[in-house]
């Protein structure tokens, strides 16, 4: 059996750049999906998003709030110190999307949030080493404030 080691900032095996590059590509693709395909229609009030939120009774406020959360998560997915937290938060948002799909839309697109959760949870797990750095930065910020 081969021995694997991990760096302090990631949990990827130290077997070369391939796995790190692949994970980064997945993060960028997820960020693009959440920013362009998911958040943008909500933030510009596209009829496809507006009609869906109106049908649920959440209105424009709910649509813009979810769109803003998705966009913030997309941006944070590509910021090294935030990527694990962003992936975890977007996973939680996908749990909500799954429940909404089941309750309001009879499960019509319920698989989509579940499918998105798989790579998000992988990113959250593998990039968890950055959480300590984020804690340290937050403590420094609180001490200054």
N, C-alpha and C. Protein backbone atom coordinates (compact mmCIF):
# COMPACT_ATOMS: atom_id res chain seq x y z
N UNK A 1 0.83 -1.18 0.00
CA UNK A 1 0.00 0.00 0.00
C UNK A 1 0.87 1.24 0.00
N UNK A 2 0.44 2.24 -0.72
CA UNK A 2 1.23 3.46 -0.77
C UNK A 2 0.80 4.40 0.34
N UNK A 3 1.73 5.17 0.80
CA UNK A 3 1.46 6.11 1.88
C UNK A 3 1.06 7.44 1.26
N UNK A 4 0.03 8.05 1.82
CA UNK A 4 -0.36 9.36 1.34
C UNK A 4 -0.23 10.35 2.48
N UNK A 5 0.15 11.54 2.15
CA UNK A 5 0.22 12.61 3.13
C UNK A 5 -0.68 13.73 2.67
N UNK A 6 -1.03 14.58 3.59
CA UNK A 6 -1.88 15.70 3.23
C UNK A 6 -1.20 16.99 3.63
N UNK A 7 -1.47 18.03 2.87
CA UNK A 7 -0.95 19.34 3.22
C UNK A 7 -1.83 19.94 4.30
N UNK A 8 -1.35 20.93 5.04
CA UNK A 8 -2.16 21.49 6.12
C UNK A 8 -3.39 22.24 5.63
N UNK A 9 -3.43 22.67 4.37
CA UNK A 9 -4.56 23.46 3.91
C UNK A 9 -5.60 22.66 3.14
N UNK A 10 -5.27 21.45 2.74
CA UNK A 10 -6.25 20.63 2.03
C UNK A 10 -6.13 19.20 2.49
N UNK A 11 -7.14 18.43 2.20
CA UNK A 11 -7.12 17.02 2.56
C UNK A 11 -6.88 16.15 1.33
N UNK A 12 -6.37 16.74 0.27
CA UNK A 12 -6.09 15.96 -0.93
C UNK A 12 -4.79 15.18 -0.75
N UNK A 13 -4.73 13.99 -1.24
CA UNK A 13 -3.48 13.23 -1.16
C UNK A 13 -2.37 13.97 -1.90
N UNK A 14 -1.16 13.86 -1.38
CA UNK A 14 -0.02 14.53 -2.00
C UNK A 14 0.52 13.68 -3.14
N UNK A 15 -0.26 13.51 -4.18
CA UNK A 15 0.12 12.67 -5.32
C UNK A 15 0.29 13.49 -6.58
N UNK A 16 0.51 14.73 -6.46
CA UNK A 16 0.66 15.56 -7.64
C UNK A 16 -0.43 16.61 -7.73
N UNK A 17 -0.35 17.36 -8.81
CA UNK A 17 -1.26 18.48 -9.00
C UNK A 17 -2.62 18.08 -9.55
N UNK A 18 -2.71 16.93 -10.16
CA UNK A 18 -3.95 16.52 -10.83
C UNK A 18 -5.20 16.63 -9.98
N UNK A 19 -5.24 16.02 -8.80
CA UNK A 19 -6.46 16.13 -7.99
C UNK A 19 -6.78 17.56 -7.56
N UNK A 20 -5.75 18.35 -7.26
CA UNK A 20 -5.99 19.75 -6.86
C UNK A 20 -6.55 20.56 -8.03
N UNK A 21 -6.01 20.34 -9.21
CA UNK A 21 -6.50 21.06 -10.39
C UNK A 21 -7.93 20.63 -10.71
N UNK A 22 -8.20 19.34 -10.64
CA UNK A 22 -9.55 18.84 -10.91
C UNK A 22 -10.56 19.43 -9.94
N UNK A 23 -10.20 19.49 -8.66
CA UNK A 23 -11.11 20.06 -7.67
C UNK A 23 -11.33 21.54 -7.94
N UNK A 24 -10.28 22.25 -8.32
CA UNK A 24 -10.41 23.67 -8.62
C UNK A 24 -11.33 23.88 -9.82
N UNK A 25 -11.21 23.03 -10.83
CA UNK A 25 -12.08 23.12 -12.00
C UNK A 25 -13.54 22.90 -11.58
N UNK A 26 -13.77 21.92 -10.73
CA UNK A 26 -15.13 21.67 -10.24
C UNK A 26 -15.65 22.89 -9.49
N UNK A 27 -14.82 23.50 -8.66
CA UNK A 27 -15.23 24.70 -7.93
C UNK A 27 -15.61 25.83 -8.88
N UNK A 28 -14.81 26.04 -9.91
CA UNK A 28 -15.09 27.12 -10.86
C UNK A 28 -16.38 26.82 -11.63
N UNK A 29 -16.57 25.57 -12.03
CA UNK A 29 -17.81 25.21 -12.73
C UNK A 29 -19.03 25.39 -11.83
N UNK A 30 -18.92 24.99 -10.57
CA UNK A 30 -20.02 25.22 -9.62
C UNK A 30 -20.29 26.71 -9.45
N UNK A 31 -19.22 27.49 -9.31
CA UNK A 31 -19.38 28.93 -9.14
C UNK A 31 -20.07 29.55 -10.36
N UNK A 32 -19.66 29.13 -11.55
CA UNK A 32 -20.31 29.64 -12.77
C UNK A 32 -21.77 29.23 -12.82
N UNK A 33 -22.07 27.99 -12.47
CA UNK A 33 -23.46 27.54 -12.47
C UNK A 33 -24.30 28.39 -11.51
N UNK A 34 -23.82 28.53 -10.27
CA UNK A 34 -24.61 29.26 -9.28
C UNK A 34 -24.74 30.74 -9.64
N UNK A 35 -23.69 31.34 -10.20
CA UNK A 35 -23.74 32.76 -10.55
C UNK A 35 -24.60 33.02 -11.79
N UNK A 36 -24.34 32.26 -12.85
CA UNK A 36 -24.98 32.56 -14.14
C UNK A 36 -26.33 31.87 -14.30
N UNK A 37 -26.38 30.58 -14.07
CA UNK A 37 -27.60 29.83 -14.35
C UNK A 37 -28.63 29.92 -13.23
N UNK A 38 -28.17 30.16 -12.01
CA UNK A 38 -29.11 30.13 -10.89
C UNK A 38 -29.38 31.53 -10.31
N UNK A 39 -28.35 32.26 -9.96
CA UNK A 39 -28.54 33.57 -9.32
C UNK A 39 -28.99 34.65 -10.31
N UNK A 40 -28.35 34.69 -11.47
CA UNK A 40 -28.64 35.76 -12.42
C UNK A 40 -30.12 35.89 -12.80
N UNK A 41 -30.80 34.79 -13.16
CA UNK A 41 -32.23 34.94 -13.48
C UNK A 41 -33.05 35.51 -12.32
N UNK A 42 -32.66 35.16 -11.10
CA UNK A 42 -33.38 35.68 -9.94
C UNK A 42 -33.09 37.16 -9.74
N UNK A 43 -31.83 37.54 -9.89
CA UNK A 43 -31.44 38.92 -9.62
C UNK A 43 -31.91 39.90 -10.69
N UNK A 44 -32.12 39.43 -11.90
CA UNK A 44 -32.64 40.32 -12.94
C UNK A 44 -34.16 40.21 -13.06
N UNK A 45 -34.76 39.36 -12.24
CA UNK A 45 -36.22 39.21 -12.25
C UNK A 45 -36.75 38.55 -13.50
N UNK A 46 -35.98 37.63 -14.06
CA UNK A 46 -36.43 36.91 -15.26
C UNK A 46 -37.76 36.22 -14.97
N UNK A 47 -38.61 36.15 -15.96
CA UNK A 47 -39.95 35.61 -15.76
C UNK A 47 -39.94 34.17 -15.26
N UNK A 48 -38.96 33.38 -15.68
CA UNK A 48 -38.90 31.99 -15.20
C UNK A 48 -38.72 31.92 -13.69
N UNK A 49 -37.90 32.80 -13.15
CA UNK A 49 -37.69 32.82 -11.71
C UNK A 49 -38.85 33.52 -11.01
N UNK A 50 -39.29 34.65 -11.55
CA UNK A 50 -40.36 35.42 -10.92
C UNK A 50 -41.64 34.60 -10.83
N UNK A 51 -41.97 33.88 -11.89
CA UNK A 51 -43.19 33.07 -11.88
C UNK A 51 -43.11 31.96 -10.83
N UNK A 52 -41.94 31.35 -10.72
CA UNK A 52 -41.75 30.27 -9.74
C UNK A 52 -41.92 30.79 -8.32
N UNK A 53 -41.29 31.91 -8.00
CA UNK A 53 -41.38 32.46 -6.65
C UNK A 53 -42.78 33.00 -6.37
N UNK A 54 -43.45 33.53 -7.38
CA UNK A 54 -44.83 33.98 -7.20
C UNK A 54 -45.75 32.80 -6.92
N UNK A 55 -45.51 31.68 -7.61
CA UNK A 55 -46.31 30.47 -7.41
C UNK A 55 -46.18 29.95 -5.98
N UNK A 56 -44.98 30.09 -5.41
CA UNK A 56 -44.76 29.63 -4.04
C UNK A 56 -45.28 30.64 -3.02
N UNK A 57 -45.56 31.87 -3.46
CA UNK A 57 -46.01 32.90 -2.56
C UNK A 57 -44.87 33.65 -1.88
N UNK A 58 -43.65 33.50 -2.40
CA UNK A 58 -42.48 34.15 -1.80
C UNK A 58 -42.23 35.52 -2.39
N UNK A 59 -42.76 35.77 -3.57
CA UNK A 59 -42.64 37.07 -4.21
C UNK A 59 -41.22 37.47 -4.58
N UNK A 60 -41.09 38.75 -4.92
CA UNK A 60 -39.80 39.28 -5.35
C UNK A 60 -38.76 39.27 -4.25
N UNK A 61 -39.17 39.55 -3.03
CA UNK A 61 -38.20 39.60 -1.92
C UNK A 61 -37.52 38.25 -1.74
N UNK A 62 -38.29 37.18 -1.77
CA UNK A 62 -37.71 35.85 -1.66
C UNK A 62 -36.80 35.52 -2.82
N UNK A 63 -37.22 35.91 -4.02
CA UNK A 63 -36.43 35.65 -5.22
C UNK A 63 -35.09 36.37 -5.16
N UNK A 64 -35.12 37.65 -4.78
CA UNK A 64 -33.87 38.41 -4.71
C UNK A 64 -32.97 37.92 -3.58
N UNK A 65 -33.57 37.52 -2.47
CA UNK A 65 -32.77 37.02 -1.34
C UNK A 65 -32.05 35.72 -1.72
N UNK A 66 -32.76 34.80 -2.32
CA UNK A 66 -32.13 33.53 -2.73
C UNK A 66 -31.08 33.80 -3.80
N UNK A 67 -31.38 34.66 -4.74
CA UNK A 67 -30.41 35.01 -5.78
C UNK A 67 -29.14 35.62 -5.19
N UNK A 68 -29.30 36.49 -4.20
CA UNK A 68 -28.13 37.11 -3.55
C UNK A 68 -27.31 36.07 -2.81
N UNK A 69 -27.98 35.15 -2.12
CA UNK A 69 -27.26 34.08 -1.42
C UNK A 69 -26.49 33.19 -2.40
N UNK A 70 -27.12 32.87 -3.51
CA UNK A 70 -26.44 32.04 -4.51
C UNK A 70 -25.24 32.76 -5.12
N UNK A 71 -25.40 34.04 -5.40
CA UNK A 71 -24.28 34.80 -5.97
C UNK A 71 -23.14 34.93 -4.97
N UNK A 72 -23.47 35.22 -3.72
CA UNK A 72 -22.43 35.31 -2.68
C UNK A 72 -21.70 33.97 -2.53
N UNK A 73 -22.45 32.88 -2.56
CA UNK A 73 -21.83 31.56 -2.47
C UNK A 73 -20.96 31.26 -3.67
N UNK A 74 -21.38 31.68 -4.85
CA UNK A 74 -20.59 31.45 -6.06
C UNK A 74 -19.27 32.18 -5.99
N UNK A 75 -19.30 33.43 -5.55
CA UNK A 75 -18.07 34.21 -5.42
C UNK A 75 -17.17 33.59 -4.36
N UNK A 76 -17.75 33.22 -3.22
CA UNK A 76 -16.96 32.65 -2.12
C UNK A 76 -16.36 31.30 -2.47
N UNK A 77 -16.97 30.57 -3.40
CA UNK A 77 -16.41 29.27 -3.81
C UNK A 77 -15.02 29.40 -4.43
N UNK A 78 -14.69 30.54 -4.96
CA UNK A 78 -13.38 30.71 -5.59
C UNK A 78 -12.42 31.55 -4.74
N UNK A 79 -12.82 31.91 -3.52
CA UNK A 79 -11.94 32.60 -2.57
C UNK A 79 -11.39 31.55 -1.62
N UNK A 80 -10.09 31.30 -1.66
CA UNK A 80 -9.53 30.17 -0.90
C UNK A 80 -9.96 30.09 0.56
N UNK A 81 -9.95 31.19 1.29
CA UNK A 81 -10.27 31.12 2.71
C UNK A 81 -11.77 30.87 2.95
N UNK A 82 -12.60 31.10 1.97
CA UNK A 82 -14.05 30.95 2.12
C UNK A 82 -14.63 29.71 1.46
N UNK A 83 -13.84 29.00 0.67
CA UNK A 83 -14.40 27.95 -0.19
C UNK A 83 -15.09 26.82 0.56
N UNK A 84 -14.59 26.38 1.67
CA UNK A 84 -15.23 25.30 2.42
C UNK A 84 -16.55 25.76 3.02
N UNK A 85 -16.53 26.95 3.61
CA UNK A 85 -17.75 27.50 4.21
C UNK A 85 -18.79 27.76 3.13
N UNK A 86 -18.35 28.27 1.98
CA UNK A 86 -19.28 28.54 0.87
C UNK A 86 -19.92 27.25 0.37
N UNK A 87 -19.11 26.22 0.22
CA UNK A 87 -19.65 24.94 -0.27
C UNK A 87 -20.65 24.37 0.74
N UNK A 88 -20.36 24.51 2.04
CA UNK A 88 -21.28 24.04 3.07
C UNK A 88 -22.59 24.84 3.04
N UNK A 89 -22.47 26.16 2.93
CA UNK A 89 -23.66 27.01 2.89
C UNK A 89 -24.50 26.74 1.64
N UNK A 90 -23.86 26.58 0.50
CA UNK A 90 -24.61 26.26 -0.72
C UNK A 90 -25.26 24.88 -0.62
N UNK A 91 -24.61 23.95 0.06
CA UNK A 91 -25.23 22.63 0.29
C UNK A 91 -26.50 22.77 1.11
N UNK A 92 -26.43 23.60 2.14
CA UNK A 92 -27.62 23.85 2.96
C UNK A 92 -28.73 24.49 2.13
N UNK A 93 -28.36 25.41 1.26
CA UNK A 93 -29.33 26.03 0.36
C UNK A 93 -29.96 24.99 -0.56
N UNK A 94 -29.16 24.01 -0.98
CA UNK A 94 -29.68 22.94 -1.84
C UNK A 94 -30.62 22.01 -1.08
N UNK A 95 -30.40 21.84 0.22
CA UNK A 95 -31.36 21.08 1.02
C UNK A 95 -32.71 21.79 0.98
N UNK A 96 -32.66 23.11 1.16
CA UNK A 96 -33.89 23.89 1.07
C UNK A 96 -34.53 23.80 -0.30
N UNK A 97 -33.73 23.85 -1.34
CA UNK A 97 -34.26 23.74 -2.71
C UNK A 97 -34.90 22.38 -2.93
N UNK A 98 -34.30 21.34 -2.38
CA UNK A 98 -34.86 20.00 -2.49
C UNK A 98 -36.24 19.93 -1.81
N UNK A 99 -36.32 20.47 -0.62
CA UNK A 99 -37.60 20.47 0.12
C UNK A 99 -38.65 21.27 -0.64
N UNK A 100 -38.26 22.41 -1.19
CA UNK A 100 -39.19 23.23 -1.97
C UNK A 100 -39.67 22.47 -3.20
N UNK A 101 -38.75 21.79 -3.88
CA UNK A 101 -39.14 21.01 -5.06
C UNK A 101 -40.15 19.92 -4.70
N UNK A 102 -39.96 19.31 -3.55
CA UNK A 102 -40.89 18.25 -3.14
C UNK A 102 -42.25 18.81 -2.71
N UNK A 103 -42.24 19.91 -1.96
CA UNK A 103 -43.48 20.41 -1.39
C UNK A 103 -44.31 21.27 -2.35
N UNK A 104 -43.65 22.08 -3.15
CA UNK A 104 -44.39 22.99 -4.03
C UNK A 104 -44.55 22.47 -5.45
N UNK A 105 -43.61 21.65 -5.90
CA UNK A 105 -43.61 21.26 -7.31
C UNK A 105 -43.63 19.76 -7.51
N UNK A 106 -44.10 19.02 -6.53
CA UNK A 106 -44.27 17.57 -6.63
C UNK A 106 -43.01 16.84 -7.06
N UNK A 107 -41.85 17.35 -6.67
CA UNK A 107 -40.59 16.69 -6.96
C UNK A 107 -40.14 16.76 -8.40
N UNK A 108 -40.72 17.67 -9.16
CA UNK A 108 -40.45 17.77 -10.60
C UNK A 108 -38.94 17.85 -10.90
N UNK A 109 -38.23 18.69 -10.20
CA UNK A 109 -36.78 18.85 -10.41
C UNK A 109 -36.00 18.59 -9.12
N UNK A 110 -36.50 17.70 -8.29
CA UNK A 110 -35.89 17.47 -6.98
C UNK A 110 -34.50 16.87 -7.07
N UNK A 111 -34.17 16.21 -8.14
CA UNK A 111 -32.85 15.59 -8.26
C UNK A 111 -31.75 16.63 -8.45
N UNK A 112 -32.06 17.76 -9.04
CA UNK A 112 -31.04 18.76 -9.33
C UNK A 112 -30.30 19.22 -8.08
N UNK A 113 -30.99 19.65 -7.01
CA UNK A 113 -30.23 20.07 -5.83
C UNK A 113 -29.45 18.92 -5.19
N UNK A 114 -29.98 17.72 -5.27
CA UNK A 114 -29.24 16.57 -4.71
C UNK A 114 -27.96 16.30 -5.49
N UNK A 115 -28.05 16.42 -6.81
CA UNK A 115 -26.88 16.22 -7.65
C UNK A 115 -25.83 17.29 -7.37
N UNK A 116 -26.26 18.54 -7.20
CA UNK A 116 -25.33 19.63 -6.91
C UNK A 116 -24.68 19.48 -5.54
N UNK A 117 -25.38 18.86 -4.61
CA UNK A 117 -24.83 18.69 -3.27
C UNK A 117 -23.60 17.79 -3.25
N UNK A 118 -23.52 16.83 -4.14
CA UNK A 118 -22.39 15.89 -4.13
C UNK A 118 -21.07 16.62 -4.32
N UNK A 119 -20.86 17.37 -5.41
CA UNK A 119 -19.58 18.06 -5.53
C UNK A 119 -19.39 19.16 -4.48
N UNK A 120 -20.48 19.80 -4.05
CA UNK A 120 -20.36 20.83 -3.02
C UNK A 120 -19.84 20.23 -1.72
N UNK A 121 -20.37 19.09 -1.33
CA UNK A 121 -19.91 18.46 -0.08
C UNK A 121 -18.48 17.93 -0.21
N UNK A 122 -18.10 17.52 -1.40
CA UNK A 122 -16.71 17.11 -1.61
C UNK A 122 -15.79 18.31 -1.44
N UNK A 123 -16.15 19.44 -2.04
CA UNK A 123 -15.36 20.66 -1.89
C UNK A 123 -15.28 21.06 -0.42
N UNK A 124 -16.41 21.04 0.27
CA UNK A 124 -16.43 21.43 1.69
C UNK A 124 -15.49 20.54 2.50
N UNK A 125 -15.52 19.27 2.24
CA UNK A 125 -14.68 18.32 2.99
C UNK A 125 -13.20 18.49 2.67
N UNK A 126 -12.89 18.54 1.40
CA UNK A 126 -11.48 18.59 1.00
C UNK A 126 -10.84 19.94 1.36
N UNK A 127 -11.58 21.01 1.25
CA UNK A 127 -11.05 22.34 1.51
C UNK A 127 -11.23 22.79 2.96
N UNK A 128 -11.61 21.89 3.85
CA UNK A 128 -11.89 22.26 5.23
C UNK A 128 -10.68 22.80 5.97
N UNK A 129 -9.48 22.53 5.48
CA UNK A 129 -8.28 23.05 6.12
C UNK A 129 -8.24 24.57 6.17
N UNK A 130 -8.96 25.22 5.28
CA UNK A 130 -9.00 26.68 5.27
C UNK A 130 -9.87 27.25 6.37
N UNK A 131 -10.69 26.43 7.01
CA UNK A 131 -11.59 26.93 8.05
C UNK A 131 -10.83 27.51 9.24
N UNK A 132 -9.71 26.91 9.60
CA UNK A 132 -8.92 27.43 10.72
C UNK A 132 -8.36 28.81 10.38
N UNK A 133 -7.92 28.98 9.15
CA UNK A 133 -7.43 30.30 8.72
C UNK A 133 -8.56 31.33 8.77
N UNK A 134 -9.75 30.93 8.38
CA UNK A 134 -10.90 31.83 8.44
C UNK A 134 -11.22 32.20 9.89
N UNK A 135 -11.18 31.22 10.80
CA UNK A 135 -11.39 31.50 12.23
C UNK A 135 -10.37 32.50 12.75
N UNK A 136 -9.11 32.30 12.36
CA UNK A 136 -8.05 33.19 12.81
C UNK A 136 -8.30 34.61 12.30
N UNK A 137 -8.65 34.75 11.04
CA UNK A 137 -8.94 36.07 10.48
C UNK A 137 -10.15 36.72 11.16
N UNK A 138 -11.17 35.94 11.44
CA UNK A 138 -12.36 36.47 12.11
C UNK A 138 -12.03 36.95 13.51
N UNK A 139 -11.21 36.18 14.24
CA UNK A 139 -10.81 36.59 15.59
C UNK A 139 -10.02 37.89 15.55
N UNK A 140 -9.11 38.01 14.60
CA UNK A 140 -8.34 39.24 14.46
C UNK A 140 -9.25 40.43 14.17
N UNK A 141 -10.22 40.22 13.31
CA UNK A 141 -11.14 41.29 12.95
C UNK A 141 -11.98 41.72 14.16
N UNK A 142 -12.43 40.75 14.95
CA UNK A 142 -13.25 41.06 16.13
C UNK A 142 -12.41 41.82 17.16
N UNK A 143 -11.17 41.43 17.34
CA UNK A 143 -10.30 42.09 18.32
C UNK A 143 -10.04 43.54 17.92
N UNK A 144 -9.96 43.80 16.64
CA UNK A 144 -9.73 45.18 16.17
C UNK A 144 -10.96 46.05 16.33
N UNK A 145 -12.13 45.41 16.17
CA UNK A 145 -13.41 46.16 16.16
C UNK A 145 -13.87 46.44 17.50
